[in-house]
């Protein structure tokens, strides 16, 4: 279930980032996501329909074609706007019987996202199980605090801070702690920028060797290609994948194609005319992890 939520939020953010880059050219021809489909080796995995009320996204529904069988399952996500807090409710169904299993709340100050809280799990819908809190300086993210509840109350389990150079993110430090609550940097991410590339390397503090590296390639400010590499503690390559991005003539993302081992994963996006508020879901960490994909709820992976 979390897998599909992650995919859904990733594409909300990816789409809104691309739209921001070309906002001036799209004023007279605004489009918004309508159907997002996920395929594995040519087989449909999931198809989601975005529904709007006015210019606001109201819900997202699983409309995956169902083969003739005795049971089926589905997902839907519903939005409740009570700003400065926005709630995303997650539901799953079995043979048409819907179960509300989790909530995610987004808290804003002056339209800036300050906190994400996840409710649900074994503790019940009304209990926070994970939080991410953002702090800023001069409108730039400088600190993220991660808290989790393992049954004995919310406790800080991780933190990250960020350094900038020439207005660009240069380094992100990941902290660990001992029983004495002393914190130290156990790894960090390094950002290297060139004319058409951004390289993000996650480096082990102990031996200064990277264990994952992502290189993003741009063409006229559009993300067109990403390569992912991962190495083990013996400095051996153990993971590799590449992603290709395709856009329509108006500059909207319409396909993301991932090649991994012998598998091909494709996500397609169909649009309808109309404005949306998907930019509201841009996380302040939009350069962390996979550059455009901030909503990864395994916060301290």
Protein backbone atom coordinates (compact mmCIF):
# COMPACT_ATOMS: atom_id res chain seq x y z
CA UNK A 1 0.00 0.00 0.00
CA UNK A 2 2.75 2.43 0.90
CA UNK A 3 4.40 1.62 -2.44
CA UNK A 4 1.46 3.02 -4.38
CA UNK A 5 1.20 6.05 -2.11
CA UNK A 6 4.88 6.74 -2.70
CA UNK A 7 4.46 6.49 -6.48
CA UNK A 8 1.45 8.76 -6.38
CA UNK A 9 3.20 11.46 -4.35
CA UNK A 10 6.41 11.19 -6.37
CA UNK A 11 4.53 12.06 -9.51
CA UNK A 12 2.58 14.86 -7.86
CA UNK A 13 5.92 16.45 -7.04
CA UNK A 14 7.69 15.63 -10.29
CA UNK A 15 4.84 17.11 -12.30
CA UNK A 16 4.61 20.28 -10.21
CA UNK A 17 8.38 20.85 -10.36
CA UNK A 18 8.36 20.60 -14.14
CA UNK A 19 5.43 22.99 -14.32
CA UNK A 20 7.23 25.52 -12.14
CA UNK A 21 10.21 25.57 -14.49
CA UNK A 22 7.95 26.52 -17.41
CA UNK A 23 5.19 28.44 -15.68
CA UNK A 24 5.35 31.49 -17.95
CA UNK A 25 4.88 29.47 -21.12
CA UNK A 26 1.95 27.47 -19.76
CA UNK A 27 -0.34 30.22 -18.50
CA UNK A 28 -2.64 30.05 -21.54
CA UNK A 29 -2.51 26.25 -21.88
CA UNK A 30 -2.62 24.85 -18.35
CA UNK A 31 -3.07 21.11 -17.93
CA UNK A 32 -3.27 18.87 -14.91
CA UNK A 33 -2.73 15.11 -14.37
CA UNK A 34 -5.82 13.01 -14.92
CA UNK A 35 -4.72 9.36 -15.30
CA UNK A 36 -1.38 7.96 -14.09
CA UNK A 37 -0.62 4.35 -15.10
CA UNK A 38 2.16 2.07 -13.87
CA UNK A 39 3.45 -0.88 -15.93
CA UNK A 40 5.97 -3.66 -15.29
CA UNK A 41 7.33 -5.46 -18.37
CA UNK A 42 4.25 -4.42 -20.33
CA UNK A 43 1.72 -5.52 -17.71
CA UNK A 44 -0.47 -2.97 -15.93
CA UNK A 45 0.25 -2.77 -12.21
CA UNK A 46 -1.85 0.18 -11.18
CA UNK A 47 -3.87 2.97 -12.76
CA UNK A 48 -4.82 6.04 -10.72
CA UNK A 49 -7.41 8.72 -11.57
CA UNK A 50 -6.92 12.26 -10.23
CA UNK A 51 -10.15 14.10 -9.40
CA UNK A 52 -10.46 17.84 -8.78
CA UNK A 53 -12.94 20.28 -7.30
CA UNK A 54 -12.30 23.64 -8.89
CA UNK A 55 -8.53 24.06 -9.00
CA UNK A 56 -7.86 21.77 -6.02
CA UNK A 57 -7.07 18.07 -6.13
CA UNK A 58 -9.83 16.34 -4.16
CA UNK A 59 -9.05 12.63 -4.44
CA UNK A 60 -7.11 9.96 -6.29
CA UNK A 61 -8.77 6.62 -7.08
CA UNK A 62 -7.41 3.26 -8.14
CA UNK A 63 -9.11 2.35 -11.43
CA UNK A 64 -6.86 -0.59 -12.31
CA UNK A 65 -8.57 -2.98 -14.73
CA UNK A 66 -9.62 -6.08 -12.78
CA UNK A 67 -9.48 -9.56 -14.32
CA UNK A 68 -12.45 -11.86 -13.79
CA UNK A 69 -11.89 -13.30 -10.31
CA UNK A 70 -13.63 -13.85 -7.00
CA UNK A 71 -12.00 -10.90 -5.25
CA UNK A 72 -10.38 -7.56 -5.97
CA UNK A 73 -8.70 -4.81 -4.02
CA UNK A 74 -8.28 -1.10 -4.56
CA UNK A 75 -6.93 2.15 -3.14
CA UNK A 76 -8.11 5.72 -2.83
CA UNK A 77 -6.64 8.89 -1.34
CA UNK A 78 -8.85 11.78 -0.22
CA UNK A 79 -7.80 15.34 0.66
CA UNK A 80 -9.29 17.51 3.42
CA UNK A 81 -8.34 21.19 3.24
CA UNK A 82 -8.36 22.88 6.63
CA UNK A 83 -5.35 25.09 6.13
CA UNK A 84 -2.85 25.60 7.60
CA UNK A 85 -3.23 21.80 7.96
CA UNK A 86 -4.04 19.55 5.01
CA UNK A 87 -4.97 15.90 5.60
CA UNK A 88 -4.51 13.07 3.12
CA UNK A 89 -6.63 10.03 4.07
CA UNK A 90 -5.64 6.60 2.76
CA UNK A 91 -8.18 3.86 2.10
CA UNK A 92 -8.00 0.31 0.80
CA UNK A 93 -10.80 -1.99 -0.27
CA UNK A 94 -11.48 -5.70 -0.51
CA UNK A 95 -14.39 -6.62 -2.75
CA UNK A 96 -15.74 -3.09 -2.49
CA UNK A 97 -15.56 -2.75 1.31
CA UNK A 98 -13.42 0.29 2.11
CA UNK A 99 -11.10 0.50 5.14
CA UNK A 100 -9.50 3.74 6.30
CA UNK A 101 -5.99 2.68 7.36
CA UNK A 102 -3.82 5.79 7.58
CA UNK A 103 -3.68 9.60 7.46
CA UNK A 104 -0.88 11.94 6.49
CA UNK A 105 -1.05 15.59 7.54
CA UNK A 106 0.86 18.49 6.03
CA UNK A 107 1.26 21.59 8.23
CA UNK A 108 2.07 24.98 6.69
CA UNK A 109 3.21 28.39 7.87
CA UNK A 110 2.81 31.20 5.33
CA UNK A 111 2.29 28.56 2.61
CA UNK A 112 5.58 26.87 3.57
CA UNK A 113 5.55 23.21 4.57
CA UNK A 114 6.84 22.87 8.13
CA UNK A 115 5.87 19.35 9.17
CA UNK A 116 4.62 16.01 7.83
CA UNK A 117 2.94 13.57 10.24
CA UNK A 118 1.93 9.97 9.49
CA UNK A 119 -0.90 8.39 11.48
CA UNK A 120 -1.96 4.76 11.64
CA UNK A 121 -0.36 1.36 11.84
CA UNK A 122 -0.81 -0.78 14.93
CA UNK A 123 -1.29 2.36 17.05
CA UNK A 124 -4.52 3.28 15.24
CA UNK A 125 -5.60 6.09 12.96
CA UNK A 126 -5.53 8.72 15.72
CA UNK A 127 -1.90 8.09 16.71
CA UNK A 128 1.16 9.66 15.06
CA UNK A 129 3.74 7.02 14.21
CA UNK A 130 6.24 9.15 12.29
CA UNK A 131 7.01 12.85 11.82
CA UNK A 132 9.35 14.99 9.81
CA UNK A 133 9.90 18.58 10.95
CA UNK A 134 11.61 21.23 8.80
CA UNK A 135 13.51 24.34 9.94
CA UNK A 136 14.54 27.23 7.70
CA UNK A 137 16.96 30.14 7.56
CA UNK A 138 16.47 32.87 4.93
CA UNK A 139 13.83 30.63 3.29
CA UNK A 140 16.32 27.79 2.86
CA UNK A 141 15.96 24.43 4.56
CA UNK A 142 18.69 24.04 7.18
CA UNK A 143 17.52 21.21 9.44
CA UNK A 144 15.20 18.20 9.33
CA UNK A 145 14.25 16.31 12.49
CA UNK A 146 12.80 12.78 12.25
CA UNK A 147 10.68 11.36 15.07
CA UNK A 148 9.06 7.94 15.42
CA UNK A 149 6.87 6.12 17.92
CA UNK A 150 7.80 2.49 18.59
CA UNK A 151 5.15 2.16 21.27
CA UNK A 152 6.69 4.31 23.99
CA UNK A 153 6.03 7.82 22.66
CA UNK A 154 7.58 10.00 19.96
CA UNK A 155 11.35 10.11 20.05
CA UNK A 156 13.88 11.72 17.74
CA UNK A 157 15.47 8.98 15.64
CA UNK A 158 17.39 11.00 13.11
CA UNK A 159 18.32 14.44 11.90
CA UNK A 160 19.87 16.03 8.85
CA UNK A 161 21.33 19.45 8.20
CA UNK A 162 22.18 21.19 4.96
CA UNK A 163 24.96 23.43 3.62
CA UNK A 164 24.73 25.68 0.56
CA UNK A 165 27.17 27.24 -1.88
CA UNK A 166 26.25 29.86 -4.48
CA UNK A 167 22.57 29.44 -3.56
CA UNK A 168 22.69 25.71 -4.33
CA UNK A 169 22.56 22.75 -1.98
CA UNK A 170 26.10 21.46 -1.56
CA UNK A 171 25.97 18.94 1.28
CA UNK A 172 23.49 17.11 3.47
CA UNK A 173 24.71 15.49 6.70
CA UNK A 174 22.99 12.43 8.18
CA UNK A 175 23.32 11.98 11.96
CA UNK A 176 23.22 8.89 14.16
CA UNK A 177 23.09 8.73 17.94
CA UNK A 178 24.04 6.40 20.77
CA UNK A 179 22.21 5.59 23.99
CA UNK A 180 23.82 8.66 25.51
CA UNK A 181 22.04 10.78 22.86
CA UNK A 182 25.35 11.95 21.40
CA UNK A 183 24.92 12.62 17.69
CA UNK A 184 27.51 12.27 14.94
CA UNK A 185 27.59 12.31 11.14
CA UNK A 186 27.63 8.75 9.83
CA UNK A 187 27.17 9.65 6.15
CA UNK A 188 26.59 12.67 3.96
CA UNK A 189 25.36 13.58 0.52
CA UNK A 190 27.51 15.62 -1.81
CA UNK A 191 26.07 17.64 -4.72
CA UNK A 192 28.15 18.45 -7.80
CA UNK A 193 26.69 20.72 -10.49
CA UNK A 194 27.76 21.14 -14.09
CA UNK A 195 26.12 22.72 -17.11
CA UNK A 196 23.67 19.90 -17.83
CA UNK A 197 24.21 17.49 -14.93
CA UNK A 198 23.67 17.16 -11.20
CA UNK A 199 25.53 14.39 -9.39
CA UNK A 200 24.30 13.33 -5.93
CA UNK A 201 26.59 10.95 -4.02
CA UNK A 202 25.86 9.43 -0.62
CA UNK A 203 29.20 8.90 1.09
CA UNK A 204 30.13 6.86 4.16
CA UNK A 205 31.87 9.02 6.72
CA UNK A 206 34.09 6.17 7.93
CA UNK A 207 35.89 5.45 4.65
CA UNK A 208 34.85 8.35 2.37
CA UNK A 209 33.52 5.87 -0.22
CA UNK A 210 30.14 6.39 -1.84
CA UNK A 211 27.49 3.69 -1.53
CA UNK A 212 25.06 5.28 -3.92
CA UNK A 213 25.34 7.85 -6.67
CA UNK A 214 22.64 9.44 -8.81
CA UNK A 215 23.46 11.46 -11.90
CA UNK A 216 20.69 13.58 -13.43
CA UNK A 217 20.98 14.91 -16.98
CA UNK A 218 19.04 17.93 -18.21
CA UNK A 219 18.17 19.32 -21.64
CA UNK A 220 16.91 22.91 -21.69
CA UNK A 221 16.16 22.68 -17.96
CA UNK A 222 14.14 19.48 -18.39
CA UNK A 223 15.21 16.34 -16.55
CA UNK A 224 15.69 13.79 -19.34
CA UNK A 225 17.82 11.00 -17.86
CA UNK A 226 18.87 9.63 -14.45
CA UNK A 227 21.40 6.93 -13.63
CA UNK A 228 21.48 5.20 -10.25
CA UNK A 229 24.52 3.31 -8.94
CA UNK A 230 25.01 1.55 -5.60
CA UNK A 231 28.11 -0.08 -4.10
CA UNK A 232 28.55 -2.39 -1.11
CA UNK A 233 31.02 -2.17 1.76
CA UNK A 234 33.62 -3.95 -0.40
CA UNK A 235 33.36 -1.15 -2.98
CA UNK A 236 31.71 -3.49 -5.47
CA UNK A 237 28.90 -2.34 -7.76
CA UNK A 238 25.74 -4.18 -6.69
CA UNK A 239 22.87 -2.09 -8.04
CA UNK A 240 22.25 -0.10 -11.21
CA UNK A 241 19.25 1.39 -12.95
CA UNK A 242 18.55 4.14 -15.46
CA UNK A 243 15.47 6.29 -15.97
CA UNK A 244 14.33 8.09 -19.13
CA UNK A 245 11.83 10.98 -19.08
CA UNK A 246 9.60 12.00 -21.98
CA UNK A 247 7.60 15.24 -22.36
CA UNK A 248 4.84 16.49 -24.62
CA UNK A 249 5.16 19.57 -26.82
CA UNK A 250 3.95 21.81 -23.97
CA UNK A 251 6.70 20.58 -21.66
CA UNK A 252 4.61 18.29 -19.45
CA UNK A 253 6.05 14.97 -18.33
CA UNK A 254 4.14 12.13 -20.02
CA UNK A 255 6.35 9.07 -19.41
CA UNK A 256 9.00 7.84 -17.01
CA UNK A 257 10.75 4.65 -18.14
CA UNK A 258 12.98 2.73 -15.73
CA UNK A 259 15.40 0.00 -16.83
CA UNK A 260 16.55 -2.19 -13.94
CA UNK A 261 18.35 -5.51 -14.45
CA UNK A 262 16.15 -7.27 -17.03
CA UNK A 263 12.96 -5.44 -16.04
CA UNK A 264 11.29 -2.38 -17.53
CA UNK A 265 8.97 -0.16 -15.49
CA UNK A 266 6.96 2.55 -17.23
CA UNK A 267 4.75 5.24 -15.78
CA UNK A 268 2.54 7.23 -18.14
CA UNK A 269 0.65 10.43 -17.34
CA UNK A 270 -2.47 11.61 -19.15
CA UNK A 271 -3.63 15.20 -18.69
CA UNK A 272 -6.83 17.20 -18.80
CA UNK A 273 -7.26 20.95 -19.23
CA UNK A 274 -7.40 22.88 -15.98
CA UNK A 275 -5.30 24.34 -13.19
CA UNK A 276 -4.31 22.50 -10.02
CA UNK A 277 -2.71 23.05 -6.62
CA UNK A 278 -0.17 20.21 -6.76
CA UNK A 279 2.65 22.63 -5.96
CA UNK A 280 1.31 22.60 -2.40
CA UNK A 281 2.90 19.18 -2.00
CA UNK A 282 6.44 20.25 -2.81
CA UNK A 283 8.57 19.17 0.12
CA UNK A 284 11.42 21.43 1.27
CA UNK A 285 13.64 18.41 0.72
CA UNK A 286 13.03 18.35 -3.02
CA UNK A 287 16.75 17.94 -3.68
CA UNK A 288 17.26 15.12 -1.20
CA UNK A 289 17.30 11.44 -2.21
CA UNK A 290 16.36 11.38 -5.88
CA UNK A 291 16.43 15.12 -6.55
CA UNK A 292 12.80 15.41 -7.69
CA UNK A 293 11.28 12.79 -5.39
CA UNK A 294 10.92 14.14 -1.85
CA UNK A 295 7.99 12.06 -0.57
CA UNK A 296 9.79 8.94 0.55
CA UNK A 297 8.27 8.04 3.92
CA UNK A 298 11.18 5.85 4.92
CA UNK A 299 12.58 9.11 6.17
CA UNK A 300 15.98 7.94 7.34
CA UNK A 301 16.76 5.30 4.74
